[in-house]
Amino acid sequence: MYICICNAIRECDLRTMARRTGGDAEGVYAALGKRPNCGQCLEEAEELIFEERESARPDTVAA
């Protein structure tokens, strides 16, 4: 599924780059060599990036 139509950024590309880089959606877009145009995708992109990073974190066990 495309998240950013303006830049043709797919969800899988966004998730992959979220695991490899830090920062917000604009930072992840920059790592992909893109920048937001209309900005309508940024909220959804932020949610996906957060979700991907949370799922990649190792579970911690309380002592």
C-alpha atoms as a PDB file:
ATOM      1  CA  MET A   1       0.000   0.000   0.000  1.00  0.00           C
ATOM      2  CA  TYR A   2       1.228   3.489  -0.778  1.00  0.00           C
ATOM      3  CA  ILE A   3       1.494   5.818   2.207  1.00  0.00           C
ATOM      4  CA  CYS A   4       2.801   8.832   0.291  1.00  0.00           C
ATOM      5  CA  ILE A   5       1.333   9.199  -3.173  1.00  0.00           C
ATOM      6  CA  CYS A   6       3.394  12.304  -3.981  1.00  0.00           C
ATOM      7  CA  ASN A   7       6.667  10.392  -3.490  1.00  0.00           C
ATOM      8  CA  ALA A   8       5.423   6.859  -4.208  1.00  0.00           C
ATOM      9  CA  ILE A   9       6.540   5.661  -0.757  1.00  0.00           C
ATOM     10  CA  ARG A  10       5.107   2.276   0.103  1.00  0.00           C
ATOM     11  CA  GLU A  11       4.309   1.074   3.596  1.00  0.00           C
ATOM     12  CA  CYS A  12       6.970  -1.647   3.397  1.00  0.00           C
ATOM     13  CA  ASP A  13       9.634   0.940   2.437  1.00  0.00           C
ATOM     14  CA  LEU A  14       8.611   3.179   5.312  1.00  0.00           C
ATOM     15  CA  ARG A  15       8.683   0.309   7.825  1.00  0.00           C
ATOM     16  CA  THR A  16      12.087  -0.891   6.623  1.00  0.00           C
ATOM     17  CA  MET A  17      13.603   2.568   6.878  1.00  0.00           C
ATOM     18  CA  ALA A  18      11.971   3.153  10.287  1.00  0.00           C
ATOM     19  CA  ARG A  19      13.983   0.198  11.624  1.00  0.00           C
ATOM     20  CA  ARG A  20      17.215   1.508  10.087  1.00  0.00           C
ATOM     21  CA  THR A  21      17.025   5.203  10.989  1.00  0.00           C
ATOM     22  CA  GLY A  22      15.885   7.475  13.759  1.00  0.00           C
ATOM     23  CA  GLY A  23      13.828  10.611  13.702  1.00  0.00           C
ATOM     24  CA  ASP A  24      10.344  11.539  12.674  1.00  0.00           C
ATOM     25  CA  ALA A  25       8.530  10.959   9.378  1.00  0.00           C
ATOM     26  CA  GLU A  26      10.394  13.779   7.655  1.00  0.00           C
ATOM     27  CA  GLY A  27      13.700  12.232   8.734  1.00  0.00           C
ATOM     28  CA  VAL A  28      12.671   8.829   7.428  1.00  0.00           C
ATOM     29  CA  TYR A  29      11.552  10.411   4.148  1.00  0.00           C
ATOM     30  CA  ALA A  30      14.943  12.125   3.891  1.00  0.00           C
ATOM     31  CA  ALA A  31      16.679   8.775   4.425  1.00  0.00           C
ATOM     32  CA  LEU A  32      14.671   7.531   1.454  1.00  0.00           C
ATOM     33  CA  GLY A  33      15.878  10.517  -0.578  1.00  0.00           C
ATOM     34  CA  LYS A  34      12.455  12.174  -0.487  1.00  0.00           C
ATOM     35  CA  ARG A  35      10.721  15.038   1.264  1.00  0.00           C
ATOM     36  CA  PRO A  36       7.045  15.594   2.025  1.00  0.00           C
ATOM     37  CA  ASN A  37       5.157  17.550  -0.595  1.00  0.00           C
ATOM     38  CA  CYS A  38       1.512  18.027   0.360  1.00  0.00           C
ATOM     39  CA  GLY A  39       1.977  16.620   3.886  1.00  0.00           C
ATOM     40  CA  GLN A  40      -1.301  14.700   4.031  1.00  0.00           C
ATOM     41  CA  CYS A  41       0.555  11.450   4.669  1.00  0.00           C
ATOM     42  CA  LEU A  42       2.669  12.603   7.600  1.00  0.00           C
ATOM     43  CA  GLU A  43       0.272  11.652  10.388  1.00  0.00           C
ATOM     44  CA  GLU A  44      -0.197   8.119   9.067  1.00  0.00           C
ATOM     45  CA  ALA A  45       3.530   7.838   8.387  1.00  0.00           C
ATOM     46  CA  GLU A  46       4.330   8.863  11.981  1.00  0.00           C
ATOM     47  CA  GLU A  47       1.950   6.200  13.301  1.00  0.00           C
ATOM     48  CA  LEU A  48       3.517   3.492  11.133  1.00  0.00           C
ATOM     49  CA  ILE A  49       7.036   4.502  12.108  1.00  0.00           C
ATOM     50  CA  PHE A  50       6.135   4.442  15.811  1.00  0.00           C
ATOM     51  CA  GLU A  51       4.379   1.091  15.424  1.00  0.00           C
ATOM     52  CA  GLU A  52       7.327  -0.436  13.583  1.00  0.00           C
ATOM     53  CA  ARG A  53       9.872   0.779  16.103  1.00  0.00           C
ATOM     54  CA  GLU A  54       7.763  -0.437  19.022  1.00  0.00           C
ATOM     55  CA  SER A  55       7.393  -3.891  17.509  1.00  0.00           C
ATOM     56  CA  ALA A  56      11.150  -4.079  16.871  1.00  0.00           C
ATOM     57  CA  ARG A  57      12.033  -3.345  20.511  1.00  0.00           C
ATOM     58  CA  PRO A  58      13.018  -6.376  22.545  1.00  0.00           C
ATOM     59  CA  ASP A  59      10.657  -7.315  25.346  1.00  0.00           C
ATOM     60  CA  THR A  60      11.965  -6.427  28.768  1.00  0.00           C
ATOM     61  CA  VAL A  61      11.339  -8.495  31.857  1.00  0.00           C
ATOM     62  CA  ALA A  62      10.907  -6.767  35.192  1.00  0.00           C
ATOM     63  CA  ALA A  63      13.162  -8.110  37.906  1.00  0.00           C
END
